[in-house]
Amino acid sequence: MSELDALTRIAEALERISPRPMPAPDFSQADAFVWHVGPDRLEPVDKVNRVEIGLLVGIDRSRDILMENTLQFARGLPANNVLLWGARGMGKSSLVKAAHAEANRQVGGLKLVEVQREDLPSIGRLLNVLRAASHRFLLFCDDLSFGHDDAHYKSLKAVLDGGIEGRPENVAFYATSNRRHLMPRDMIENERSTAINPSEAVEEKVSLSDRFGLWLGFHPCDQDQYLSMIRGYCDAYNISISDEDLRAEAIEWQQTRGNRSGRVAWQYVVDLAARRGVQLG
């Protein structure tokens, strides 16, 4: 191998270890982006998978609080980071995406950036990119949770607290989780029982959720709310079905799934639309 070849290989190896900074993204391409690493990049999303905010039934209080916070942020006013936690399938992520769309309809200029939990260690690099941009950004992490020996939660503090630089004024962080404290109860109990200083060991982990200014809880829906969700979807997509048939079919569908939620309601609507030959979307 020649000396030039050796130097070239060393240079390529160094570039892989410490890649060049990503070029400034063109945020005019889309209203939503997904953050990827290796290499760092923001991929535009042409069409976001979401429903209209008016179709989200049974979560009125959470909807109103999140919408107010999002509109304040879109208008350049102070806003809180938000943790949406609770029962699965009750519209937590749907509400975030719907609130983003509604804020853009009313105010405009708000970008949604989805970050995967496993990419949280790269969040500092993403913040450096967004800090220099003229737009305002909602960072969104869906199904956020941490397991035993998972140190990713430390990276998240850069978004919630911002370290010495502070969180960028044009960035807010919205996360959804099934767990209010972002980690399993048995993990918390294990820390209490095995740590040298149990209170400090637990405090370090559960204090992460305290850094969210707003907690919005989502709870299982009752049968009337479940049926109202389905009727709302049917009316929105012009699916014709009598109240009696809808009630009988929807309750049977729910019983086969073993639970009631907004997700189960939508899955029934998908099945019903297919049987009636109705396109959704």
C-alpha atoms as a PDB file:
ATOM      1  CA  MET A   1       0.000   0.000   0.000  1.00  0.00           C
ATOM      2  CA  SER A   2       1.366   3.418  -0.942  1.00  0.00           C
ATOM      3  CA  GLU A   3       1.746   6.228   1.548  1.00  0.00           C
ATOM      4  CA  LEU A   4      -1.010   8.178  -0.231  1.00  0.00           C
ATOM      5  CA  ASP A   5      -3.438   5.235   0.011  1.00  0.00           C
ATOM      6  CA  ALA A   6      -2.675   4.877   3.717  1.00  0.00           C
ATOM      7  CA  LEU A   7      -3.301   8.568   4.347  1.00  0.00           C
ATOM      8  CA  THR A   8      -6.563   8.390   2.373  1.00  0.00           C
ATOM      9  CA  ARG A   9      -7.805   5.451   4.441  1.00  0.00           C
ATOM     10  CA  ILE A  10      -6.888   7.232   7.677  1.00  0.00           C
ATOM     11  CA  ALA A  11      -8.749  10.343   6.536  1.00  0.00           C
ATOM     12  CA  GLU A  12     -11.851   8.290   5.630  1.00  0.00           C
ATOM     13  CA  ALA A  13     -11.754   6.521   8.993  1.00  0.00           C
ATOM     14  CA  LEU A  14     -11.520   9.838  10.834  1.00  0.00           C
ATOM     15  CA  GLU A  15     -14.457  11.198   8.848  1.00  0.00           C
ATOM     16  CA  ARG A  16     -16.565   8.184   9.815  1.00  0.00           C
ATOM     17  CA  ILE A  17     -15.699   8.709  13.478  1.00  0.00           C
ATOM     18  CA  SER A  18     -16.334  12.456  13.312  1.00  0.00           C
ATOM     19  CA  PRO A  19     -18.540  13.172  10.275  1.00  0.00           C
ATOM     20  CA  ARG A  20     -18.835  16.604   8.745  1.00  0.00           C
ATOM     21  CA  PRO A  21     -21.630  18.822  10.091  1.00  0.00           C
ATOM     22  CA  MET A  22     -24.884  18.348   8.229  1.00  0.00           C
ATOM     23  CA  PRO A  23     -25.799  21.102   5.752  1.00  0.00           C
ATOM     24  CA  ALA A  24     -28.552  23.503   6.788  1.00  0.00           C
ATOM     25  CA  PRO A  25     -31.903  21.850   5.944  1.00  0.00           C
ATOM     26  CA  ASP A  26     -34.476  23.466   3.690  1.00  0.00           C
ATOM     27  CA  PHE A  27     -37.379  23.752   6.122  1.00  0.00           C
ATOM     28  CA  SER A  28     -39.649  25.108   3.387  1.00  0.00           C
ATOM     29  CA  GLN A  29     -39.886  21.568   1.975  1.00  0.00           C
ATOM     30  CA  ALA A  30     -42.444  20.358   4.510  1.00  0.00           C
ATOM     31  CA  ASP A  31     -44.169  21.039   7.822  1.00  0.00           C
ATOM     32  CA  ALA A  32     -42.888  17.798   9.370  1.00  0.00           C
ATOM     33  CA  PHE A  33     -39.533  16.025   9.457  1.00  0.00           C
ATOM     34  CA  VAL A  34     -37.997  12.867  10.904  1.00  0.00           C
ATOM     35  CA  TRP A  35     -34.541  13.039  12.508  1.00  0.00           C
ATOM     36  CA  HIS A  36     -32.109  10.298  11.446  1.00  0.00           C
ATOM     37  CA  VAL A  37     -28.518   9.663  12.465  1.00  0.00           C
ATOM     38  CA  GLY A  38     -25.609   7.984  10.656  1.00  0.00           C
ATOM     39  CA  PRO A  39     -25.370  10.384   8.903  1.00  0.00           C
ATOM     40  CA  ASP A  40     -27.327  13.139  10.636  1.00  0.00           C
ATOM     41  CA  ARG A  41     -30.189  14.376   8.502  1.00  0.00           C
ATOM     42  CA  LEU A  42     -33.746  15.679   8.652  1.00  0.00           C
ATOM     43  CA  GLU A  43     -36.003  13.823   6.223  1.00  0.00           C
ATOM     44  CA  PRO A  44     -39.099  15.780   5.134  1.00  0.00           C
ATOM     45  CA  VAL A  45     -42.499  14.080   5.499  1.00  0.00           C
ATOM     46  CA  ASP A  46     -44.788  14.877   2.585  1.00  0.00           C
ATOM     47  CA  LYS A  47     -47.994  13.677   4.258  1.00  0.00           C
ATOM     48  CA  VAL A  48     -48.311  13.252   8.018  1.00  0.00           C
ATOM     49  CA  ASN A  49     -50.418  10.308   9.215  1.00  0.00           C
ATOM     50  CA  ARG A  50     -53.007  12.091  11.358  1.00  0.00           C
ATOM     51  CA  VAL A  51     -56.682  12.754  11.968  1.00  0.00           C
ATOM     52  CA  GLU A  52     -58.534  16.045  12.374  1.00  0.00           C
ATOM     53  CA  ILE A  53     -58.562  17.359  15.918  1.00  0.00           C
ATOM     54  CA  GLY A  54     -62.358  17.456  15.915  1.00  0.00           C
ATOM     55  CA  LEU A  55     -62.488  13.661  15.551  1.00  0.00           C
ATOM     56  CA  LEU A  56     -60.653  13.078  18.835  1.00  0.00           C
ATOM     57  CA  VAL A  57     -63.465  12.345  21.286  1.00  0.00           C
ATOM     58  CA  GLY A  58     -63.359  11.923  25.065  1.00  0.00           C
ATOM     59  CA  ILE A  59     -60.127  13.870  25.666  1.00  0.00           C
ATOM     60  CA  ASP A  60     -61.553  17.389  25.660  1.00  0.00           C
ATOM     61  CA  ARG A  61     -59.617  18.759  28.643  1.00  0.00           C
ATOM     62  CA  SER A  62     -56.250  17.429  27.440  1.00  0.00           C
ATOM     63  CA  ARG A  63     -57.026  18.640  23.912  1.00  0.00           C
ATOM     64  CA  ASP A  64     -57.819  22.180  25.082  1.00  0.00           C
ATOM     65  CA  ILE A  65     -54.714  22.455  27.310  1.00  0.00           C
ATOM     66  CA  LEU A  66     -52.368  21.101  24.646  1.00  0.00           C
ATOM     67  CA  MET A  67     -53.925  23.289  21.965  1.00  0.00           C
ATOM     68  CA  GLU A  68     -53.501  26.428  24.080  1.00  0.00           C
ATOM     69  CA  ASN A  69     -49.853  25.592  24.832  1.00  0.00           C
ATOM     70  CA  THR A  70     -49.150  24.839  21.157  1.00  0.00           C
ATOM     71  CA  LEU A  71     -50.772  28.049  19.922  1.00  0.00           C
ATOM     72  CA  GLN A  72     -48.803  30.095  22.448  1.00  0.00           C
ATOM     73  CA  PHE A  73     -45.590  28.512  21.231  1.00  0.00           C
ATOM     74  CA  ALA A  74     -46.480  29.005  17.544  1.00  0.00           C
ATOM     75  CA  ARG A  75     -47.102  32.702  18.244  1.00  0.00           C
ATOM     76  CA  GLY A  76     -43.613  33.121  19.700  1.00  0.00           C
ATOM     77  CA  LEU A  77     -44.743  33.156  23.340  1.00  0.00           C
ATOM     78  CA  PRO A  78     -43.323  31.018  26.172  1.00  0.00           C
ATOM     79  CA  ALA A  79     -44.623  27.447  26.270  1.00  0.00           C
ATOM     80  CA  ASN A  80     -44.046  24.323  28.328  1.00  0.00           C
ATOM     81  CA  ASN A  81     -42.632  20.961  27.369  1.00  0.00           C
ATOM     82  CA  VAL A  82     -45.469  18.416  27.550  1.00  0.00           C
ATOM     83  CA  LEU A  83     -45.697  14.783  28.651  1.00  0.00           C
ATOM     84  CA  LEU A  84     -48.846  12.989  27.481  1.00  0.00           C
ATOM     85  CA  TRP A  85     -49.113   9.797  29.519  1.00  0.00           C
ATOM     86  CA  GLY A  86     -51.624   7.075  30.272  1.00  0.00           C
ATOM     87  CA  ALA A  87     -53.761   4.390  28.672  1.00  0.00           C
ATOM     88  CA  ARG A  88     -52.594   3.027  25.349  1.00  0.00           C
ATOM     89  CA  GLY A  89     -54.632   3.716  22.257  1.00  0.00           C
ATOM     90  CA  MET A  90     -56.360   6.789  23.686  1.00  0.00           C
ATOM     91  CA  GLY A  91     -55.058   9.301  21.157  1.00  0.00           C
ATOM     92  CA  LYS A  92     -51.889  10.700  22.753  1.00  0.00           C
ATOM     93  CA  SER A  93     -49.775  10.761  19.598  1.00  0.00           C
ATOM     94  CA  SER A  94     -52.815  11.549  17.437  1.00  0.00           C
ATOM     95  CA  LEU A  95     -53.467  14.617  19.572  1.00  0.00           C
ATOM     96  CA  VAL A  96     -49.896  15.901  19.173  1.00  0.00           C
ATOM     97  CA  LYS A  97     -50.063  15.601  15.389  1.00  0.00           C
ATOM     98  CA  ALA A  98     -53.556  17.097  15.261  1.00  0.00           C
ATOM     99  CA  ALA A  99     -52.546  20.035  17.489  1.00  0.00           C
ATOM    100  CA  HIS A 100     -49.572  20.729  15.225  1.00  0.00           C
ATOM    101  CA  ALA A 101     -51.828  20.815  12.166  1.00  0.00           C
ATOM    102  CA  GLU A 102     -54.378  23.053  13.867  1.00  0.00           C
ATOM    103  CA  ALA A 103     -51.691  25.468  15.082  1.00  0.00           C
ATOM    104  CA  ASN A 104     -50.357  25.713  11.541  1.00  0.00           C
ATOM    105  CA  ARG A 105     -53.860  26.364  10.260  1.00  0.00           C
ATOM    106  CA  GLN A 106     -54.374  29.203  12.743  1.00  0.00           C
ATOM    107  CA  VAL A 107     -50.852  30.657  12.996  1.00  0.00           C
ATOM    108  CA  GLY A 108     -48.453  28.912  10.576  1.00  0.00           C
ATOM    109  CA  GLY A 109     -44.701  28.457  10.566  1.00  0.00           C
ATOM    110  CA  LEU A 110     -44.575  25.587  13.077  1.00  0.00           C
ATOM    111  CA  LYS A 111     -42.490  22.507  12.201  1.00  0.00           C
ATOM    112  CA  LEU A 112     -42.899  19.037  13.730  1.00  0.00           C
ATOM    113  CA  VAL A 113     -39.706  16.976  14.132  1.00  0.00           C
ATOM    114  CA  GLU A 114     -40.057  13.353  15.211  1.00  0.00           C
ATOM    115  CA  VAL A 115     -37.162  11.850  17.184  1.00  0.00           C
ATOM    116  CA  GLN A 116     -36.848   8.130  17.923  1.00  0.00           C
ATOM    117  CA  ARG A 117     -36.080   7.183  21.520  1.00  0.00           C
ATOM    118  CA  GLU A 118     -32.912   5.348  20.502  1.00  0.00           C
ATOM    119  CA  ASP A 119     -31.627   8.543  18.833  1.00  0.00           C
ATOM    120  CA  LEU A 120     -31.881  10.673  21.975  1.00  0.00           C
ATOM    121  CA  PRO A 121     -28.077  10.659  22.493  1.00  0.00           C
ATOM    122  CA  SER A 122     -27.829  12.731  19.291  1.00  0.00           C
ATOM    123  CA  ILE A 123     -30.298  15.338  20.512  1.00  0.00           C
ATOM    124  CA  GLY A 124     -27.606  17.928  21.199  1.00  0.00           C
ATOM    125  CA  ARG A 125     -26.559  17.921  17.543  1.00  0.00           C
ATOM    126  CA  LEU A 126     -30.171  18.330  16.457  1.00  0.00           C
ATOM    127  CA  LEU A 127     -30.667  21.267  18.820  1.00  0.00           C
ATOM    128  CA  ASN A 128     -27.634  23.000  17.318  1.00  0.00           C
ATOM    129  CA  VAL A 129     -29.249  22.729  13.874  1.00  0.00           C
ATOM    130  CA  LEU A 130     -32.650  23.972  15.049  1.00  0.00           C
ATOM    131  CA  ARG A 131     -31.239  26.771  17.202  1.00  0.00           C
ATOM    132  CA  ALA A 132     -29.911  28.516  14.094  1.00  0.00           C
ATOM    133  CA  ALA A 133     -33.188  28.249  12.140  1.00  0.00           C
ATOM    134  CA  SER A 134     -35.841  30.943  11.880  1.00  0.00           C
ATOM    135  CA  HIS A 135     -38.790  28.579  12.350  1.00  0.00           C
ATOM    136  CA  ARG A 136     -40.291  27.209  15.547  1.00  0.00           C
ATOM    137  CA  PHE A 137     -40.096  23.471  16.204  1.00  0.00           C
ATOM    138  CA  LEU A 138     -42.023  20.878  18.164  1.00  0.00           C
ATOM    139  CA  LEU A 139     -39.743  17.931  18.902  1.00  0.00           C
ATOM    140  CA  PHE A 140     -41.917  14.837  19.237  1.00  0.00           C
ATOM    141  CA  CYS A 141     -40.910  11.501  20.770  1.00  0.00           C
ATOM    142  CA  ASP A 142     -43.612   8.836  20.702  1.00  0.00           C
ATOM    143  CA  ASP A 143     -43.809   6.024  23.266  1.00  0.00           C
ATOM    144  CA  LEU A 144     -40.984   7.354  25.407  1.00  0.00           C
ATOM    145  CA  SER A 145     -39.850   5.034  28.202  1.00  0.00           C
ATOM    146  CA  PHE A 146     -36.657   3.818  29.799  1.00  0.00           C
ATOM    147  CA  GLY A 147     -35.602   0.397  31.060  1.00  0.00           C
ATOM    148  CA  HIS A 148     -33.061  -0.828  33.557  1.00  0.00           C
ATOM    149  CA  ASP A 149     -29.511   0.481  32.937  1.00  0.00           C
ATOM    150  CA  ASP A 150     -30.851   2.743  30.176  1.00  0.00           C
ATOM    151  CA  ALA A 151     -28.907   6.011  30.243  1.00  0.00           C
ATOM    152  CA  HIS A 152     -30.740   7.640  27.329  1.00  0.00           C
ATOM    153  CA  TYR A 153     -32.793   9.655  29.811  1.00  0.00           C
ATOM    154  CA  LYS A 154     -29.681  11.699  30.588  1.00  0.00           C
ATOM    155  CA  SER A 155     -29.568  12.888  26.974  1.00  0.00           C
ATOM    156  CA  LEU A 156     -33.149  14.096  27.239  1.00  0.00           C
ATOM    157  CA  LYS A 157     -32.190  16.567  29.954  1.00  0.00           C
ATOM    158  CA  ALA A 158     -30.438  18.587  27.230  1.00  0.00           C
ATOM    159  CA  VAL A 159     -33.846  19.262  25.697  1.00  0.00           C
ATOM    160  CA  LEU A 160     -35.765  19.788  28.921  1.00  0.00           C
ATOM    161  CA  ASP A 161     -33.166  21.849  30.787  1.00  0.00           C
ATOM    162  CA  GLY A 162     -30.786  22.859  28.028  1.00  0.00           C
ATOM    163  CA  GLY A 163     -27.591  22.734  30.058  1.00  0.00           C
ATOM    164  CA  ILE A 164     -25.366  25.806  30.069  1.00  0.00           C
ATOM    165  CA  GLU A 165     -26.724  27.074  26.724  1.00  0.00           C
ATOM    166  CA  GLY A 166     -30.344  26.708  27.710  1.00  0.00           C
ATOM    167  CA  ARG A 167     -33.076  25.139  25.604  1.00  0.00           C
ATOM    168  CA  PRO A 168     -33.414  26.966  22.285  1.00  0.00           C
ATOM    169  CA  GLU A 169     -36.213  29.510  22.467  1.00  0.00           C
ATOM    170  CA  ASN A 170     -37.642  28.156  19.213  1.00  0.00           C
ATOM    171  CA  VAL A 171     -37.883  24.518  20.400  1.00  0.00           C
ATOM    172  CA  ALA A 172     -40.448  22.743  22.600  1.00  0.00           C
ATOM    173  CA  PHE A 173     -40.539  19.028  23.396  1.00  0.00           C
ATOM    174  CA  TYR A 174     -43.679  16.851  23.372  1.00  0.00           C
ATOM    175  CA  ALA A 175     -43.496  13.193  24.416  1.00  0.00           C
ATOM    176  CA  THR A 176     -46.014  10.394  24.853  1.00  0.00           C
ATOM    177  CA  SER A 177     -45.652   7.485  27.247  1.00  0.00           C
ATOM    178  CA  ASN A 178     -47.754   4.814  28.893  1.00  0.00           C
ATOM    179  CA  ARG A 179     -45.898   5.610  32.141  1.00  0.00           C
ATOM    180  CA  ARG A 180     -46.104   8.856  34.065  1.00  0.00           C
ATOM    181  CA  HIS A 181     -42.552   8.515  35.376  1.00  0.00           C
ATOM    182  CA  LEU A 182     -41.244   7.105  32.053  1.00  0.00           C
ATOM    183  CA  MET A 183     -40.041   3.830  33.596  1.00  0.00           C
ATOM    184  CA  PRO A 184     -41.673   0.621  34.875  1.00  0.00           C
ATOM    185  CA  ARG A 185     -42.964   0.544  38.442  1.00  0.00           C
ATOM    186  CA  ASP A 186     -40.970  -2.632  39.163  1.00  0.00           C
ATOM    187  CA  MET A 187     -37.799  -0.828  38.101  1.00  0.00           C
ATOM    188  CA  ILE A 188     -38.521   1.984  40.558  1.00  0.00           C
ATOM    189  CA  GLU A 189     -39.222  -0.521  43.344  1.00  0.00           C
ATOM    190  CA  ASN A 190     -36.023  -2.393  42.503  1.00  0.00           C
ATOM    191  CA  GLU A 191     -34.017   0.815  42.841  1.00  0.00           C
ATOM    192  CA  ARG A 192     -35.576   1.445  46.247  1.00  0.00           C
ATOM    193  CA  SER A 193     -34.747  -2.036  47.494  1.00  0.00           C
ATOM    194  CA  THR A 194     -31.207  -2.488  46.117  1.00  0.00           C
ATOM    195  CA  ALA A 195     -29.547   0.929  45.908  1.00  0.00           C
ATOM    196  CA  ILE A 196     -27.093   2.120  48.541  1.00  0.00           C
ATOM    197  CA  ASN A 197     -29.095   5.330  48.813  1.00  0.00           C
ATOM    198  CA  PRO A 198     -32.575   4.320  47.600  1.00  0.00           C
ATOM    199  CA  SER A 199     -34.122   7.789  47.647  1.00  0.00           C
ATOM    200  CA  GLU A 200     -31.340   9.308  45.525  1.00  0.00           C
ATOM    201  CA  ALA A 201     -31.349   6.401  43.050  1.00  0.00           C
ATOM    202  CA  VAL A 202     -35.090   6.727  42.460  1.00  0.00           C
ATOM    203  CA  GLU A 203     -35.026  10.523  42.468  1.00  0.00           C
ATOM    204  CA  GLU A 204     -32.454  10.670  39.650  1.00  0.00           C
ATOM    205  CA  LYS A 205     -34.715   8.700  37.330  1.00  0.00           C
ATOM    206  CA  VAL A 206     -38.235   9.848  38.207  1.00  0.00           C
ATOM    207  CA  SER A 207     -37.156  13.506  38.338  1.00  0.00           C
ATOM    208  CA  LEU A 208     -36.954  13.455  34.543  1.00  0.00           C
ATOM    209  CA  SER A 209     -40.735  13.578  34.241  1.00  0.00           C
ATOM    210  CA  ASP A 210     -40.790  16.543  36.647  1.00  0.00           C
ATOM    211  CA  ARG A 211     -38.933  18.548  34.014  1.00  0.00           C
ATOM    212  CA  PHE A 212     -42.043  18.570  31.815  1.00  0.00           C
ATOM    213  CA  GLY A 213     -44.058  21.681  32.571  1.00  0.00           C
ATOM    214  CA  LEU A 214     -47.337  20.013  31.604  1.00  0.00           C
ATOM    215  CA  TRP A 215     -48.530  16.485  32.370  1.00  0.00           C
ATOM    216  CA  LEU A 216     -51.660  15.411  30.508  1.00  0.00           C
ATOM    217  CA  GLY A 217     -53.231  12.147  31.659  1.00  0.00           C
ATOM    218  CA  PHE A 218     -55.202   9.821  29.369  1.00  0.00           C
ATOM    219  CA  HIS A 219     -57.532   7.221  30.826  1.00  0.00           C
ATOM    220  CA  PRO A 220     -59.565   4.330  29.371  1.00  0.00           C
ATOM    221  CA  CYS A 221     -62.806   5.440  27.738  1.00  0.00           C
ATOM    222  CA  ASP A 222     -66.258   4.278  28.729  1.00  0.00           C
ATOM    223  CA  GLN A 223     -68.689   2.644  26.331  1.00  0.00           C
ATOM    224  CA  ASP A 224     -70.543   5.843  25.428  1.00  0.00           C
ATOM    225  CA  GLN A 225     -67.275   7.588  24.525  1.00  0.00           C
ATOM    226  CA  TYR A 226     -66.182   4.567  22.503  1.00  0.00           C
ATOM    227  CA  LEU A 227     -69.418   4.583  20.498  1.00  0.00           C
ATOM    228  CA  SER A 228     -69.216   8.369  20.050  1.00  0.00           C
ATOM    229  CA  MET A 229     -65.730   8.009  18.569  1.00  0.00           C
ATOM    230  CA  ILE A 230     -67.018   5.530  16.010  1.00  0.00           C
ATOM    231  CA  ARG A 231     -70.071   7.623  15.132  1.00  0.00           C
ATOM    232  CA  GLY A 232     -67.804  10.651  14.636  1.00  0.00           C
ATOM    233  CA  TYR A 233     -65.589   8.717  12.228  1.00  0.00           C
ATOM    234  CA  CYS A 234     -68.598   7.330  10.346  1.00  0.00           C
ATOM    235  CA  ASP A 235     -70.086  10.798   9.903  1.00  0.00           C
ATOM    236  CA  ALA A 236     -66.737  12.278   8.823  1.00  0.00           C
ATOM    237  CA  TYR A 237     -66.126   9.592   6.183  1.00  0.00           C
ATOM    238  CA  ASN A 238     -69.759   9.204   5.082  1.00  0.00           C
ATOM    239  CA  ILE A 239     -70.084   5.598   6.238  1.00  0.00           C
ATOM    240  CA  SER A 240     -73.777   4.802   6.480  1.00  0.00           C
ATOM    241  CA  ILE A 241     -74.837   2.592   9.421  1.00  0.00           C
ATOM    242  CA  SER A 242     -77.781   2.731  11.803  1.00  0.00           C
ATOM    243  CA  ASP A 243     -77.206   3.452  15.492  1.00  0.00           C
ATOM    244  CA  GLU A 244     -78.541  -0.004  16.394  1.00  0.00           C
ATOM    245  CA  ASP A 245     -76.193  -1.844  14.021  1.00  0.00           C
ATOM    246  CA  LEU A 246     -73.249   0.328  14.993  1.00  0.00           C
ATOM    247  CA  ARG A 247     -73.803  -0.339  18.685  1.00  0.00           C
ATOM    248  CA  ALA A 248     -74.141  -4.107  18.242  1.00  0.00           C
ATOM    249  CA  GLU A 249     -71.162  -4.464  15.902  1.00  0.00           C
ATOM    250  CA  ALA A 250     -68.883  -2.079  17.786  1.00  0.00           C
ATOM    251  CA  ILE A 251     -69.491  -3.746  21.142  1.00  0.00           C
ATOM    252  CA  GLU A 252     -68.852  -7.165  19.636  1.00  0.00           C
ATOM    253  CA  TRP A 253     -65.642  -5.832  18.045  1.00  0.00           C
ATOM    254  CA  GLN A 254     -64.500  -4.408  21.370  1.00  0.00           C
ATOM    255  CA  GLN A 255     -65.167  -7.706  23.129  1.00  0.00           C
ATOM    256  CA  THR A 256     -63.017  -9.617  20.642  1.00  0.00           C
ATOM    257  CA  ARG A 257     -60.140  -7.174  21.318  1.00  0.00           C
ATOM    258  CA  GLY A 258     -60.482  -7.334  25.080  1.00  0.00           C
ATOM    259  CA  ASN A 259     -60.423  -3.582  25.617  1.00  0.00           C
ATOM    260  CA  ARG A 260     -61.962  -0.271  24.618  1.00  0.00           C
ATOM    261  CA  SER A 261     -59.917   2.637  23.240  1.00  0.00           C
ATOM    262  CA  GLY A 262     -59.694   5.140  20.437  1.00  0.00           C
ATOM    263  CA  ARG A 263     -57.385   2.781  18.559  1.00  0.00           C
ATOM    264  CA  VAL A 264     -59.891  -0.069  18.796  1.00  0.00           C
ATOM    265  CA  ALA A 265     -62.630   2.306  17.614  1.00  0.00           C
ATOM    266  CA  TRP A 266     -60.577   3.267  14.554  1.00  0.00           C
ATOM    267  CA  GLN A 267     -59.787  -0.377  13.766  1.00  0.00           C
ATOM    268  CA  TYR A 268     -63.504  -1.140  13.755  1.00  0.00           C
ATOM    269  CA  VAL A 269     -64.112   1.825  11.440  1.00  0.00           C
ATOM    270  CA  VAL A 270     -61.426   0.552   9.037  1.00  0.00           C
ATOM    271  CA  ASP A 271     -63.144  -2.841   8.935  1.00  0.00           C
ATOM    272  CA  LEU A 272     -66.581  -1.282   8.510  1.00  0.00           C
ATOM    273  CA  ALA A 273     -65.372   1.004   5.710  1.00  0.00           C
ATOM    274  CA  ALA A 274     -63.879  -1.942   3.857  1.00  0.00           C
ATOM    275  CA  ARG A 275     -67.129  -3.884   4.111  1.00  0.00           C
ATOM    276  CA  ARG A 276     -69.108  -0.867   2.855  1.00  0.00           C
ATOM    277  CA  GLY A 277     -66.641  -0.092   0.050  1.00  0.00           C
ATOM    278  CA  VAL A 278     -65.735   3.342   1.454  1.00  0.00           C
ATOM    279  CA  GLN A 279     -62.244   4.842   1.019  1.00  0.00           C
ATOM    280  CA  LEU A 280     -60.600   6.394   4.085  1.00  0.00           C
ATOM    281  CA  GLY A 281     -58.242   9.317   3.491  1.00  0.00           C
END
